[in-house]
Amino acid sequence: TPEGKVYDTGLKSPNKRIDTLDTMLAEKEFLLDSGFSLADVAVASYLLYVPQFFRDIDLSRWPNVVAYMKRCAERPAYAQAFGSNVQEFLIATLDGMGKDKKLFGIF
């Protein structure tokens, strides 16, 4: 918006682009066969923004994307760029996606 607010990520409903990315990442760790690249920096920076600022979004329907996000966030350079607190938060959040939520933590 002109005010600089972001209202939606486009990830609450089916998303063909993320479906395609999930399929691609089923067979590789990073976007290019040669390994981590600038392409990963660009894509992961968008994706890793989501759990930080849109905590109600559950990405677990795209398990390969979640695993990819975690690999990118686990990189030492990510902690250097964004801080270990952000890195730890993201890794814990991504680890929890798709896990069964228990009522009161026990049921």
Protein backbone atom coordinates (compact mmCIF):
# COMPACT_ATOMS: atom_id res chain seq x y z
CA THR A 1 0.00 0.00 0.00
CA PRO A 2 1.08 3.63 -0.23
CA GLU A 3 1.37 3.60 3.57
CA GLY A 4 3.93 0.80 3.40
CA LYS A 5 1.66 -1.82 5.00
CA VAL A 6 1.53 -5.42 3.86
CA TYR A 7 -1.92 -6.94 4.29
CA ASP A 8 -1.50 -10.40 2.87
CA THR A 9 1.16 -12.82 1.71
CA GLY A 10 -0.96 -14.72 -0.79
CA LEU A 11 -0.13 -17.92 1.12
CA LYS A 12 -3.40 -18.49 2.99
CA SER A 13 -5.04 -20.03 -0.05
CA PRO A 14 -3.77 -22.35 -2.80
CA ASN A 15 -0.77 -20.88 -4.59
CA LYS A 16 0.45 -22.38 -7.87
CA ARG A 17 3.86 -20.68 -7.64
CA ILE A 18 4.57 -22.15 -4.22
CA ASP A 19 3.19 -25.51 -5.36
CA THR A 20 5.72 -25.44 -8.22
CA LEU A 21 8.53 -24.43 -5.87
CA ASP A 22 7.60 -27.26 -3.50
CA THR A 23 7.78 -29.74 -6.38
CA MET A 24 11.17 -28.38 -7.49
CA LEU A 25 12.57 -28.60 -3.98
CA ALA A 26 11.51 -32.22 -3.59
CA GLU A 27 14.58 -33.18 -5.59
CA LYS A 28 17.18 -30.62 -4.54
CA GLU A 29 18.42 -28.71 -1.52
CA PHE A 30 18.67 -25.32 -3.19
CA LEU A 31 17.31 -23.74 -6.36
CA LEU A 32 20.39 -24.33 -8.50
CA ASP A 33 22.12 -27.67 -8.87
CA SER A 34 25.42 -25.95 -8.06
CA GLY A 35 24.26 -25.21 -4.50
CA PHE A 36 23.29 -22.13 -2.53
CA SER A 37 23.21 -19.05 -4.76
CA LEU A 38 21.91 -15.52 -5.12
CA ALA A 39 18.64 -17.06 -6.33
CA ASP A 40 18.24 -18.66 -2.89
CA VAL A 41 18.98 -15.36 -1.17
CA ALA A 42 16.19 -13.70 -3.17
CA VAL A 43 13.59 -16.43 -2.75
CA ALA A 44 14.39 -17.34 0.85
CA SER A 45 14.38 -13.71 1.96
CA TYR A 46 10.76 -13.43 0.83
CA LEU A 47 9.74 -16.77 2.32
CA LEU A 48 11.49 -16.22 5.66
CA TYR A 49 9.69 -12.90 6.01
CA VAL A 50 6.38 -14.76 6.29
CA PRO A 51 6.81 -16.59 9.64
CA GLN A 52 8.34 -13.49 11.19
CA PHE A 53 5.53 -11.09 10.37
CA PHE A 54 2.54 -13.32 9.55
CA ARG A 55 2.62 -15.82 12.37
CA ASP A 56 -0.83 -17.19 11.57
CA ILE A 57 0.33 -18.55 8.20
CA ASP A 58 0.96 -22.30 8.24
CA LEU A 59 3.21 -23.38 5.39
CA SER A 60 3.10 -27.08 6.28
CA ARG A 61 1.14 -27.95 3.11
CA TRP A 62 4.46 -27.27 1.33
CA PRO A 63 6.87 -29.51 3.29
CA ASN A 64 9.72 -29.15 0.81
CA VAL A 65 9.47 -25.36 0.97
CA VAL A 66 9.52 -25.47 4.78
CA ALA A 67 12.61 -27.71 4.75
CA TYR A 68 14.25 -25.35 2.22
CA MET A 69 13.47 -22.33 4.39
CA LYS A 70 15.01 -24.08 7.37
CA ARG A 71 18.18 -24.94 5.41
CA CYS A 72 18.52 -21.31 4.38
CA ALA A 73 17.88 -20.00 7.89
CA GLU A 74 20.39 -22.45 9.40
CA ARG A 75 23.26 -21.01 7.40
CA PRO A 76 25.82 -19.19 9.58
CA ALA A 77 25.64 -16.19 7.26
CA TYR A 78 21.92 -15.86 8.00
CA ALA A 79 22.67 -15.44 11.72
CA GLN A 80 25.39 -12.92 10.88
CA ALA A 81 23.02 -10.90 8.72
CA PHE A 82 19.86 -11.04 10.85
CA GLY A 83 21.04 -12.05 14.30
CA SER A 84 20.98 -15.32 16.15
CA ASN A 85 17.65 -14.48 17.85
CA VAL A 86 15.89 -14.22 14.49
CA GLN A 87 17.63 -17.35 13.27
CA GLU A 88 16.65 -19.35 16.36
CA PHE A 89 13.04 -18.12 16.17
CA LEU A 90 12.74 -19.11 12.51
CA ILE A 91 14.29 -22.54 12.99
CA ALA A 92 11.99 -23.29 15.93
CA THR A 93 8.95 -22.01 14.03
CA LEU A 94 9.77 -24.02 10.93
CA ASP A 95 10.41 -27.13 13.06
CA GLY A 96 6.90 -26.74 14.49
CA MET A 97 5.08 -26.38 11.18
CA GLY A 98 3.02 -29.40 10.34
CA LYS A 99 3.37 -30.94 13.76
CA ASP A 100 0.12 -31.93 15.41
CA LYS A 101 -1.03 -29.21 17.73
CA LYS A 102 -2.14 -30.60 21.08
CA LEU A 103 -4.97 -29.14 23.12
CA PHE A 104 -3.46 -27.62 26.26
CA GLY A 105 -0.17 -29.17 25.20
CA ILE A 106 -1.20 -32.68 26.23
CA PHE A 107 -4.20 -33.96 24.18
